[in-house]
Protein backbone atom coordinates (compact mmCIF):
# COMPACT_ATOMS: atom_id res chain seq x y z
CA MET A 1 97.60 92.11 102.62
CA GLY A 2 98.98 91.72 98.88
CA ASN A 3 102.02 90.63 97.86
CA TYR A 4 103.06 94.38 97.20
CA SER A 5 106.93 93.15 95.46
CA LYS A 6 104.25 92.02 92.16
CA TRP A 7 101.64 93.73 90.21
CA TYR A 8 98.52 92.87 92.68
CA HIS A 9 95.44 93.97 92.92
CA PRO A 10 92.97 93.01 96.27
CA TYR A 11 89.98 93.01 93.46
CA ALA A 12 88.59 90.86 90.58
CA ILE A 13 89.78 93.21 87.54
CA ASN A 14 87.00 94.18 85.13
CA GLU A 15 88.19 92.79 81.90
CA LYS A 16 86.92 96.09 80.42
CA TYR A 17 89.88 97.65 81.94
CA SER A 18 92.20 94.87 81.77
CA GLU A 19 95.10 96.61 80.09
CA ARG A 20 97.84 97.23 82.72
CA VAL A 21 98.45 101.15 83.45
CA ALA A 22 100.89 103.25 85.99
CA TYR A 23 99.72 106.38 86.56
CA PHE A 24 102.75 109.08 87.14
CA SER A 25 101.47 111.92 89.19
CA MET A 26 103.82 114.55 90.74
CA GLU A 27 100.98 115.01 93.91
CA PHE A 28 97.60 113.57 94.78
CA GLY A 29 95.06 114.51 96.60
CA ILE A 30 93.88 111.57 98.54
CA HIS A 31 92.89 112.20 102.03
CA GLN A 32 93.66 114.65 104.89
CA ALA A 33 95.79 112.72 106.04
CA LEU A 34 98.05 112.15 103.58
CA LYS A 35 99.58 115.13 102.53
CA ILE A 36 101.48 115.33 99.48
CA TYR A 37 99.12 117.55 97.27
CA SER A 38 98.69 121.77 96.25
CA GLY A 39 96.20 122.02 94.21
CA GLY A 40 93.83 120.84 91.48
CA LEU A 41 96.14 118.56 89.61
CA GLY A 42 96.40 116.67 92.88
CA PHE A 43 92.63 116.68 93.34
CA LEU A 44 92.01 115.53 90.65
CA ALA A 45 94.37 112.91 90.76
CA GLY A 46 93.06 112.18 93.37
CA SER A 47 89.41 111.32 92.41
CA HIS A 48 90.90 109.52 89.59
CA MET A 49 92.16 107.15 91.60
CA ARG A 50 89.32 106.74 93.26
CA SER A 51 87.33 105.99 90.88
CA ALA A 52 89.82 103.29 89.01
CA TYR A 53 88.87 101.84 92.55
CA GLU A 54 85.43 101.70 91.76
CA LEU A 55 85.70 100.60 88.26
CA ARG A 56 88.34 97.79 88.92
CA GLN A 57 90.87 98.55 86.73
CA ASN A 58 94.09 97.42 86.31
CA MET A 59 95.98 100.52 87.25
CA VAL A 60 98.46 101.63 89.80
CA GLY A 61 99.54 104.94 90.84
CA ILE A 62 103.09 106.15 90.92
CA GLY A 63 104.04 109.30 93.04
CA ILE A 64 106.57 110.98 95.45
CA LEU A 65 106.13 111.04 99.50
CA TRP A 66 107.11 114.66 100.35
CA ARG A 67 108.61 114.43 103.53
CA TYR A 68 107.48 118.10 104.51
CA GLY A 69 104.59 118.11 102.25
CA TYR A 70 103.59 120.77 99.95
CA TYR A 71 103.50 123.35 103.21
CA ASP A 72 101.30 124.07 106.14
CA GLN A 73 99.23 127.35 105.78
CA VAL A 74 99.72 128.65 109.43
CA ARG A 75 99.21 132.45 110.78
CA GLN A 76 101.86 134.91 111.92
CA ALA A 77 101.16 137.03 115.12
CA ASP A 78 99.71 139.32 113.14
CA GLN A 79 97.14 136.91 111.24
CA PHE A 80 99.24 137.08 108.01
CA MET A 81 100.04 133.90 106.35
CA GLU A 82 103.08 131.88 106.70
CA ALA A 83 104.22 128.87 105.10
CA GLN A 84 105.49 126.30 107.31
CA PHE A 85 107.59 123.08 106.83
CA GLN A 86 106.79 120.47 108.95
CA LYS A 87 107.83 116.85 108.76
CA LYS A 88 105.27 114.26 107.93
CA TYR A 89 105.03 110.50 109.35
CA TYR A 90 102.26 108.19 107.86
CA THR A 91 101.62 104.97 109.65
CA PHE A 92 99.40 103.56 106.91
CA LEU A 93 101.72 103.45 104.03
CA GLU A 94 104.13 100.28 104.00
CA ASP A 95 106.90 98.76 102.64
CA THR A 96 107.30 97.21 99.98
CA GLY A 97 110.83 95.86 100.08
CA ILE A 98 111.43 97.97 96.63
CA MET A 99 114.83 99.71 96.49
CA VAL A 100 116.01 100.74 93.27
CA GLN A 101 119.13 103.63 92.05
CA VAL A 102 118.59 106.19 89.89
CA ASN A 103 121.94 108.46 88.58
CA ILE A 104 121.72 111.65 89.51
CA HIS A 105 124.30 114.55 88.35
CA ASN A 106 126.56 111.25 87.64
CA ASN A 107 125.44 110.35 91.26
CA PRO A 108 123.84 107.10 92.57
CA VAL A 109 121.04 107.67 94.58
CA TRP A 110 118.71 105.12 95.84
CA VAL A 111 114.47 105.67 95.84
CA LYS A 112 112.55 103.65 98.38
CA ALA A 113 109.13 102.27 97.24
CA LEU A 114 106.13 102.77 100.10
CA VAL A 115 102.27 101.55 99.59
CA LEU A 116 99.41 102.73 99.89
CA PRO A 117 97.02 99.55 100.01
CA ALA A 118 93.98 99.93 98.10
CA GLU A 119 91.95 99.15 100.88
CA THR A 120 92.65 102.21 102.71
CA PHE A 121 91.21 104.98 101.27
CA GLY A 122 89.62 103.29 98.38
CA THR A 123 92.10 103.87 95.53
CA VAL A 124 94.11 101.62 93.45
CA PRO A 125 97.19 100.61 95.04
CA MET A 126 99.57 103.68 94.71
CA TYR A 127 103.23 103.31 95.33
CA PHE A 128 105.17 106.61 96.98
CA LEU A 129 108.87 106.76 96.57
CA THR A 130 111.23 108.50 98.79
CA THR A 131 115.09 109.16 98.41
CA ASP A 132 114.57 110.41 102.13
CA ILE A 133 116.41 106.97 103.79
CA PRO A 134 119.57 106.35 105.56
CA GLU A 135 121.47 104.44 102.41
CA ASN A 136 121.54 108.11 101.05
CA ASP A 137 124.10 111.27 101.27
CA TYR A 138 121.95 114.27 103.09
CA LEU A 139 121.62 116.15 99.48
CA SER A 140 119.97 113.38 97.95
CA ARG A 141 117.41 112.58 100.93
CA THR A 142 116.79 116.01 100.76
CA ILE A 143 115.31 115.69 96.58
CA THR A 144 111.62 114.14 98.19
CA HIS A 145 111.37 116.88 100.97
CA ARG A 146 109.34 118.97 99.38
CA LEU A 147 106.66 119.58 96.34
CA TYR A 148 107.63 121.44 94.01
CA ASP A 149 111.26 122.89 95.78
CA PRO A 150 112.04 126.22 94.66
CA GLU A 151 115.26 125.07 93.87
CA LEU A 152 116.03 124.25 89.88
CA PRO A 153 118.32 121.28 90.63
CA THR A 154 116.16 119.83 93.15
CA ARG A 155 113.34 120.41 90.87
CA ILE A 156 115.28 118.30 88.00
CA ALA A 157 116.27 115.94 90.10
CA GLN A 158 112.49 115.30 91.49
CA SER A 159 111.25 114.61 87.90
CA ILE A 160 114.20 112.21 87.08
CA VAL A 161 112.86 110.34 91.19
CA LEU A 162 109.53 110.03 89.56
CA GLY A 163 110.03 109.23 86.09
CA ILE A 164 113.40 107.13 86.14
CA GLY A 165 112.55 105.79 89.78
CA GLY A 166 108.93 105.50 89.39
CA ALA A 167 109.62 103.21 86.13
CA LYS A 168 112.18 100.64 87.67
CA VAL A 169 109.39 100.14 90.56
CA VAL A 170 107.00 99.13 88.01
CA GLU A 171 109.25 96.97 86.20
CA THR A 172 109.93 95.23 89.76
CA LEU A 173 106.44 95.13 89.96
CA GLY A 174 106.18 92.50 86.55
CA GLY A 175 105.83 95.96 84.18
CA SER A 176 102.54 98.03 82.62
CA ALA A 177 101.40 97.95 78.91
CA ILE A 178 100.71 101.95 79.60
CA TYR A 179 102.52 104.86 81.04
CA HIS A 180 100.42 107.57 81.70
CA MET A 181 101.75 111.20 82.50
CA ASN A 182 99.87 113.50 84.47
CA GLU A 183 101.68 116.37 83.55
CA ALA A 184 104.86 116.17 81.82
CA HIS A 185 106.92 116.75 85.71
CA ALA A 186 108.22 112.78 85.22
CA LEU A 187 109.19 113.57 81.66
CA PRO A 188 112.39 111.40 82.54
CA LEU A 189 110.49 108.23 81.76
CA VAL A 190 110.67 108.32 78.26
CA PHE A 191 114.38 108.55 78.02
CA HIS A 192 114.51 105.22 80.29
CA LEU A 193 112.08 103.83 77.51
CA PHE A 194 113.68 104.49 74.83
CA ASP A 195 117.22 103.51 76.55
CA LYS A 196 115.11 100.21 77.41
CA TYR A 197 113.72 99.66 73.70
CA ARG A 198 115.55 101.66 71.47
CA ASP A 199 113.01 102.59 68.89
CA VAL A 200 110.39 105.78 68.93
CA HIS A 201 107.95 103.23 68.22
CA GLU A 202 108.14 101.06 71.12
CA VAL A 203 107.99 104.34 73.28
CA LYS A 204 104.44 105.78 71.83
CA LYS A 205 102.61 102.85 71.96
CA ARG A 206 103.11 102.81 75.67
CA MET A 207 102.99 106.64 76.58
CA VAL A 208 100.13 108.78 76.85
CA PHE A 209 99.88 112.39 78.02
CA THR A 210 97.71 114.88 79.78
CA THR A 211 98.15 118.74 79.25
CA HIS A 212 96.55 121.20 82.13
CA THR A 213 98.64 124.33 81.45
CA PRO A 214 97.16 126.36 79.05
CA GLU A 215 99.90 129.06 79.03
CA LYS A 216 103.13 129.06 77.53
CA ALA A 217 104.80 130.35 80.73
CA GLY A 218 103.38 127.46 82.68
CA ASN A 219 104.91 124.71 80.89
CA GLU A 220 108.54 123.18 82.01
CA GLU A 221 111.83 124.73 79.78
CA HIS A 222 114.85 124.28 80.88
CA ASP A 223 118.44 124.53 79.75
CA VAL A 224 120.15 120.93 77.54
CA GLU A 225 123.06 121.09 79.36
CA LEU A 226 121.61 121.67 82.86
CA LEU A 227 119.39 118.59 82.51
CA ALA A 228 122.45 116.62 80.58
CA LYS A 229 124.61 117.35 83.45
CA MET A 230 121.75 116.28 86.29
CA SER A 231 121.44 113.39 84.16
CA PHE A 232 117.98 113.83 83.20
CA PHE A 233 118.45 111.82 80.08
CA GLY A 234 119.11 108.60 82.42
CA ALA A 235 121.69 106.32 80.46
CA LEU A 236 121.02 108.48 76.73
CA SER A 237 123.95 110.54 75.49
CA VAL A 238 122.87 114.71 74.81
CA ASP A 239 122.57 114.01 71.04
CA GLU A 240 120.39 110.93 71.30
CA ALA A 241 117.97 112.99 73.69
CA ARG A 242 118.05 115.96 71.27
CA HIS A 243 117.13 113.56 68.27
CA ILE A 244 114.15 111.30 69.69
CA SER A 245 112.55 114.93 71.43
CA GLY A 246 113.35 116.78 68.17
CA THR A 247 115.05 119.14 70.30
CA TYR A 248 117.65 120.80 68.39
CA GLY A 249 117.96 124.67 70.78
CA PRO A 250 119.53 125.51 73.77
CA SER A 251 116.15 124.61 75.74
CA LEU A 252 113.80 121.58 75.88
CA ASN A 253 110.10 122.04 76.82
CA TYR A 254 109.04 119.39 78.60
CA THR A 255 105.28 119.23 77.40
CA LEU A 256 106.54 119.58 73.86
CA VAL A 257 108.46 116.83 74.07
CA ALA A 258 106.21 114.40 76.07
CA LEU A 259 103.93 115.55 72.96
CA ARG A 260 106.05 114.04 70.56
CA LEU A 261 106.82 111.08 71.77
CA SER A 262 103.43 109.76 73.49
CA LYS A 263 100.84 107.78 71.19
CA ILE A 264 98.10 110.32 72.10
CA ALA A 265 97.50 113.39 74.78
CA ASN A 266 94.35 115.39 75.80
CA GLY A 267 93.85 119.03 77.49
CA VAL A 268 90.88 118.72 79.85
CA SER A 269 88.49 120.24 79.34
CA LYS A 270 86.93 120.84 75.63
CA LEU A 271 87.97 124.70 75.58
CA HIS A 272 91.48 123.49 77.20
CA GLY A 273 91.47 120.95 73.88
CA GLU A 274 91.42 123.38 71.48
CA VAL A 275 93.84 126.16 73.53
CA SER A 276 95.61 123.41 73.54
CA ARG A 277 95.79 122.06 69.56
CA GLU A 278 96.29 126.06 68.88
CA MET A 279 99.37 126.04 71.22
CA TRP A 280 100.85 123.19 69.99
CA TYR A 281 100.30 121.74 66.20
CA GLY A 282 102.17 123.80 65.03
CA ASN A 283 105.17 122.06 65.92
CA GLU A 284 106.57 118.85 64.50
CA GLY A 285 105.51 115.78 65.46
CA VAL A 286 102.99 116.14 67.93
CA CYS A 287 100.73 113.73 68.64
CA GLU A 288 97.03 114.00 68.52
CA ILE A 289 95.55 116.28 71.23
CA ARG A 290 92.17 114.91 72.25
CA SER A 291 90.29 116.24 75.03
CA ILE A 292 88.88 114.48 78.37
CA THR A 293 87.31 116.58 80.57
CA ASN A 294 88.27 116.62 84.02
CA ALA A 295 86.09 115.32 86.94
CA GLN A 296 85.42 114.29 90.52
CA ASN A 297 84.59 111.41 92.33
CA ILE A 298 81.14 111.63 93.55
CA THR A 299 81.34 109.26 96.79
CA TYR A 300 84.12 111.36 98.02
CA TRP A 301 82.24 114.78 97.44
CA GLN A 302 78.90 114.81 97.46
CA ASN A 303 76.85 114.73 100.38
CA THR A 304 74.86 111.68 100.52
CA ALA A 305 71.96 113.38 102.54
CA LEU A 306 71.97 116.21 100.10
CA ARG A 307 71.57 113.97 97.12
CA GLN A 308 68.99 111.59 98.60
CA ALA A 309 66.82 115.10 99.65
CA LEU A 310 67.48 115.88 95.57
CA ASP A 311 66.54 111.72 94.65
CA HIS A 312 63.18 112.30 96.67
CA ASN A 313 62.22 115.73 95.30
CA ASP A 314 62.06 116.91 98.87
CA ASP A 315 63.12 120.84 98.08
CA GLU A 316 62.08 121.73 102.11
CA GLN A 317 64.82 118.89 103.46
CA LEU A 318 67.03 119.78 100.65
CA VAL A 319 66.99 123.91 102.02
CA ARG A 320 67.23 122.22 105.74
CA LEU A 321 70.24 120.37 104.91
CA LYS A 322 71.83 123.29 102.75
CA ALA A 323 71.59 125.54 105.63
CA GLU A 324 72.77 122.63 108.46
CA MET A 325 75.77 122.24 106.07
CA LYS A 326 77.20 125.52 106.45
CA LYS A 327 77.26 124.98 110.65
CA PRO A 328 80.52 123.17 109.95
CA LEU A 329 81.96 125.96 107.80
CA PHE A 330 81.00 128.83 110.33
CA ASP A 331 82.71 127.04 113.12
CA ILE A 332 85.80 126.79 111.23
CA VAL A 333 85.32 130.44 110.28
CA ALA A 334 84.53 131.17 114.86
CA ASP A 335 87.66 129.47 115.37
CA GLN A 336 89.79 131.08 112.84
CA THR A 337 88.52 134.38 112.73
CA GLY A 338 86.65 135.97 116.06
CA LYS A 339 83.15 135.59 113.88
CA LEU A 340 79.63 134.11 113.94
CA PHE A 341 78.25 133.81 110.41
CA SER A 342 74.89 132.99 110.11
CA PRO A 343 72.78 130.32 107.94
CA GLU A 344 70.55 132.45 107.09
CA VAL A 345 72.45 134.58 105.10
CA LEU A 346 73.57 134.28 101.41
CA THR A 347 77.10 133.30 100.91
CA ILE A 348 79.50 133.69 98.49
CA VAL A 349 82.93 131.62 98.70
CA TRP A 350 85.88 132.29 96.85
CA ALA A 351 88.70 129.25 97.19
CA ARG A 352 91.48 127.66 95.25
CA ARG A 353 94.58 127.33 94.56
CA PHE A 354 95.89 131.50 94.46
CA ALA A 355 97.67 132.52 91.40
CA ALA A 356 97.50 136.25 90.18
CA TYR A 357 95.11 135.15 86.56
CA LYS A 358 92.69 133.73 88.77
CA ARG A 359 91.72 136.99 89.97
CA PRO A 360 91.43 135.92 94.07
CA ASP A 361 90.72 140.01 94.81
CA LEU A 362 88.70 140.86 91.48
CA LEU A 363 85.58 141.24 94.26
CA LEU A 364 87.72 143.92 95.82
CA PHE A 365 88.08 145.89 92.89
CA ASP A 366 86.11 149.08 94.17
CA LEU A 367 86.39 148.59 98.32
CA HIS A 368 83.39 151.00 98.61
CA ARG A 369 81.00 149.40 95.84
CA PHE A 370 81.88 145.56 97.64
CA PHE A 371 81.30 147.35 101.17
CA GLU A 372 77.74 148.59 99.96
CA LEU A 373 77.37 144.96 98.38
CA ILE A 374 77.63 143.01 101.25
CA ASN A 375 75.81 145.58 103.77
CA GLN A 376 72.30 146.00 101.70
CA GLU A 377 69.54 146.30 104.29
CA GLY A 378 67.64 143.33 104.43
CA GLN A 379 70.23 141.13 101.74
CA PRO A 380 73.39 140.42 103.45
CA VAL A 381 76.01 138.88 101.83
CA GLN A 382 79.38 136.81 103.66
CA VAL A 383 82.11 136.37 101.81
CA ILE A 384 84.43 133.79 102.92
CA TRP A 385 88.05 133.52 100.81
CA ALA A 386 90.26 130.66 101.36
CA GLY A 387 93.02 128.97 99.02
CA LYS A 388 97.36 128.15 99.61
CA PRO A 389 99.47 130.18 97.31
CA TYR A 390 103.27 128.99 95.85
CA PRO A 391 105.00 129.65 99.33
CA PHE A 392 107.54 131.28 97.31
CA ASP A 393 104.71 133.54 95.15
CA PHE A 394 105.28 136.77 97.23
CA GLY A 395 103.00 138.56 95.08
CA ALA A 396 100.11 135.86 95.45
CA ILE A 397 100.94 136.23 98.98
CA ASN A 398 100.94 139.56 99.06
CA THR A 399 96.96 139.30 97.93
CA PHE A 400 96.55 137.08 100.29
CA ASN A 401 97.83 139.44 103.41
CA LYS A 402 95.31 142.25 101.92
CA LEU A 403 91.97 140.29 101.64
CA ILE A 404 92.87 139.74 105.60
CA GLU A 405 93.43 143.26 105.97
CA VAL A 406 90.45 143.79 104.23
CA SER A 407 88.09 141.05 105.91
CA HIS A 408 89.46 142.66 109.64
CA GLN A 409 87.12 145.61 108.61
CA LYS A 410 83.66 143.93 108.04
CA LYS A 411 82.27 140.98 110.36
CA ASN A 412 80.98 139.15 107.24
CA VAL A 413 83.84 139.12 105.57
CA ALA A 414 86.35 136.15 106.39
CA VAL A 415 89.91 134.70 105.02
CA LEU A 416 90.76 131.29 106.15
CA THR A 417 94.26 129.17 105.76
CA GLY A 418 94.63 125.55 105.59
CA TYR A 419 92.45 125.12 102.34
CA GLU A 420 93.58 121.41 101.82
CA LEU A 421 90.81 118.55 101.48
CA ASP A 422 88.70 118.73 104.27
CA LEU A 423 88.81 122.14 104.39
CA SER A 424 87.30 122.06 100.87
CA ALA A 425 84.63 119.75 101.29
CA LYS A 426 83.41 122.12 104.03
CA LEU A 427 83.18 125.59 102.24
CA LYS A 428 81.74 123.38 99.03
CA GLN A 429 79.14 122.32 101.58
CA GLY A 430 78.65 125.54 103.17
CA ALA A 431 78.89 127.73 100.10
CA ASP A 432 75.34 129.15 98.50
CA VAL A 433 77.56 130.69 95.88
CA TRP A 434 81.01 129.37 94.49
CA LEU A 435 82.79 132.33 92.69
CA ASN A 436 85.14 131.60 90.21
CA THR A 437 87.04 134.11 88.44
CA PRO A 438 90.20 133.55 86.16
CA ARG A 439 91.33 135.36 83.18
CA ARG A 440 89.47 133.52 80.70
CA PRO A 441 91.11 131.03 78.81
CA ARG A 442 93.79 130.21 81.10
CA GLU A 443 92.02 127.75 83.19
CA ALA A 444 92.37 124.65 82.03
CA SER A 445 89.53 123.05 83.86
CA GLY A 446 88.69 124.19 87.34
CA THR A 447 87.29 121.42 89.01
CA SER A 448 86.01 122.75 92.43
CA GLY A 449 82.86 123.75 90.77
CA MET A 450 82.00 120.74 89.83
CA THR A 451 82.35 119.61 94.19
CA ALA A 452 80.49 122.91 94.92
CA ALA A 453 77.93 121.99 92.25
CA MET A 454 77.60 118.11 93.38
CA ASN A 455 76.34 119.98 97.20
CA GLY A 456 74.20 122.50 96.08
CA ALA A 457 76.72 125.71 95.74
CA ILE A 458 75.61 127.56 92.39
CA ASN A 459 78.80 128.56 90.25
CA PHE A 460 78.78 131.96 89.78
CA SER A 461 81.62 132.11 86.96
CA VAL A 462 84.06 133.06 83.95
CA GLN A 463 83.08 131.10 81.14
CA ASP A 464 86.42 129.10 81.33
CA GLY A 465 87.53 125.59 81.58
CA TRP A 466 85.10 122.93 81.81
CA LEU A 467 81.91 125.53 82.83
CA PRO A 468 81.22 125.99 78.82
CA GLU A 469 80.49 122.33 78.57
CA PHE A 470 77.97 122.47 81.72
CA GLY A 471 76.80 126.15 82.56
CA LYS A 472 73.49 128.02 81.42
CA HIS A 473 72.85 130.95 82.67
CA GLY A 474 70.06 131.33 85.11
CA GLU A 475 69.43 127.53 84.81
CA ASN A 476 72.16 125.86 87.00
CA SER A 477 74.32 128.67 87.41
CA PHE A 478 75.06 132.31 86.74
CA LEU A 479 77.97 132.84 84.30
CA LEU A 480 79.64 135.94 83.12
CA PRO A 481 79.58 137.40 79.41
CA ILE A 482 82.39 136.34 77.78
CA VAL A 483 84.80 139.46 77.26
CA ASP A 484 87.29 139.85 74.11
CA THR A 485 90.64 138.16 75.42
CA SER A 486 92.83 140.82 73.27
CA LEU A 487 92.13 143.47 75.38
CA PRO A 488 94.87 144.63 78.14
CA ASP A 489 94.14 142.61 81.08
CA PHE A 490 93.43 145.93 83.23
CA GLU A 491 90.43 146.32 80.59
CA GLN A 492 89.12 142.63 80.80
CA ASP A 493 89.25 143.00 84.41
CA GLN A 494 87.70 145.80 84.62
CA ILE A 495 84.49 144.90 82.28
CA ASP A 496 84.71 141.03 83.80
CA TYR A 497 84.07 143.03 87.61
CA ASN A 498 81.35 145.41 86.24
CA ASN A 499 79.66 142.72 84.64
CA MET A 500 80.41 140.70 88.25
CA MET A 501 78.58 143.59 90.23
CA HIS A 502 75.55 143.68 88.11
CA LEU A 503 74.84 140.20 87.80
CA LEU A 504 75.03 140.44 92.13
CA GLU A 505 73.17 143.24 92.61
CA SER A 506 70.19 142.54 89.83
CA GLU A 507 70.19 139.09 89.90
CA ILE A 508 71.89 136.93 92.61
CA ILE A 509 71.01 138.48 95.74
CA PRO A 510 67.39 139.18 94.43
CA ALA A 511 66.79 136.04 93.62
CA TYR A 512 68.43 134.62 97.18
CA TYR A 513 66.44 136.87 98.98
CA LEU A 514 63.10 137.30 97.02
CA ASP A 515 62.85 134.26 94.60
CA ARG A 516 63.33 131.36 97.01
CA LYS A 517 61.47 128.49 94.01
CA LYS A 518 64.38 129.86 91.20
CA TRP A 519 67.38 129.64 93.69
CA VAL A 520 66.20 125.96 94.87
CA SER A 521 65.12 124.95 90.89
CA ILE A 522 68.96 126.40 89.80
CA MET A 523 70.27 124.78 92.96
CA LYS A 524 68.82 121.26 91.91
CA GLN A 525 69.27 121.52 87.86
CA SER A 526 73.15 122.21 88.70
CA MET A 527 73.33 119.11 91.28
CA ARG A 528 71.32 116.67 88.52
CA GLU A 529 73.54 118.14 85.64
CA VAL A 530 76.90 117.98 87.47
CA VAL A 531 76.25 114.45 88.87
CA ALA A 532 75.19 113.10 85.03
CA TYR A 533 78.41 114.22 83.36
CA PHE A 534 81.16 115.69 85.91
CA GLY A 535 81.51 112.67 87.41
CA SER A 536 85.07 110.91 87.53
CA GLU A 537 83.39 107.29 86.53
CA ARG A 538 82.81 109.04 83.81
CA MET A 539 86.90 110.01 83.31
CA ALA A 540 88.46 107.01 84.30
CA ASP A 541 86.07 105.16 81.94
CA GLU A 542 87.18 107.57 79.21
CA TYR A 543 90.75 107.24 79.60
CA TYR A 544 90.94 103.50 79.14
CA HIS A 545 88.60 104.31 75.99
CA LEU A 546 90.26 107.43 74.26
CA MET A 547 93.73 106.72 75.28
CA TYR A 548 95.02 103.43 76.79
CA GLN A 549 93.16 101.30 74.63
CA ASP A 550 93.52 103.28 71.25
CA GLY A 551 95.74 104.14 68.79
CA ARG A 552 98.18 101.14 69.30
């Protein structure tokens, strides 16, 4: 047990990574038991914290302890999706004794820090903030109840807790050389640092920033007067805040301000880096935007027996294990849906956060053709969908329910609820094909395809996010031809749909059933090449060299 009121690591720091770094993120996907994440942003941050631990980096994680998590995805009586908000209790988090105060709406609010010790899940030490304590009034206690609360004032308050509360916790621990914002949710941090140093250069040399959102609409922008009223700028006056952030209009864009007050920033794939530079370089005072391609932690995600079979070049064992790995997934299918899936049958999985641009229902563009495809004589297909829509995105929930309705018509189609770390791992281990259908170039990274490839699932994807750096059609994956993005969405969808069905009918399904040699060769090349570059050790190392230690 360490002394958690000072900067403490239970391991000897590797001198390559001795710079002190505090990593701020709204969500972390670390372990099934700690429900404080919604999707890819959290999975990525969790893998980063694990690899930073394995490399013995001098880093701590700063997040929020969401009392009700994101939400629990359950079913209503008629099997449709329901969002359940249930209180969470964790006995493995320890009290640090650290309490700091922040101002929200000119009211003092207490923030308590709990620690996740490094040894518990194999991460760097992580500090989780909560306002749900007896010292606060009821409204203040609710700030840290729900990740991405739908109420705007609450969302703004959450940013203040993470940014300013988090900074004060880091100062209590002894301070940090670098503050890394994973997305711009913790933006009040920059105003806090300016108040401390009263010099923009001093702020910039400590700040680095990762952007994940390749579309304007996804980057938070709020009314300056509302932010000021909520005490978003900490001790700064509105004029000071406007001046240092270069914000002179009625609204403030979080991402733009983060880019102006960091020494360096990055997109999360080469393609996303290009998209981000195109999006933001037209604005004055923006820092350099590099690209560090997202990655995932191999130790956590990859099935070790499967990896050994690959290393020994034992094709028979590889194929046998892959069939065995389907069983735990198919047990869940049977439990949730009453359907019995077969390990012999080609299994396609579409599973990730549910959002319209990801086109979860693209496969159902022509229902008649879909049913024909999955019930071909001698070459059947099983399809599984899973994923959590934002609990108040009724369009996405509607799509989810539409898929459930379709699944009732066929015994080889299933929709699963509860898409979190454990189910995600089982889906990747049980999938033969990992289907990914975003509208290009709106997927910043799409890391689920990496962890699928680590477990012998072959990526079948639009060439977006990380895929252009990895994919070689027919060698390590199956890729959809690139579509002209200037066409209307409906036309793009139609072209992508036709290409997808053509590849399934003429290449993917025949290869699985008639050319096993080719199938196994693609699977092996995919596994080898994904761990060669898309393991998060490489990523955690690059952050130190390209972001933290550079540009001082």
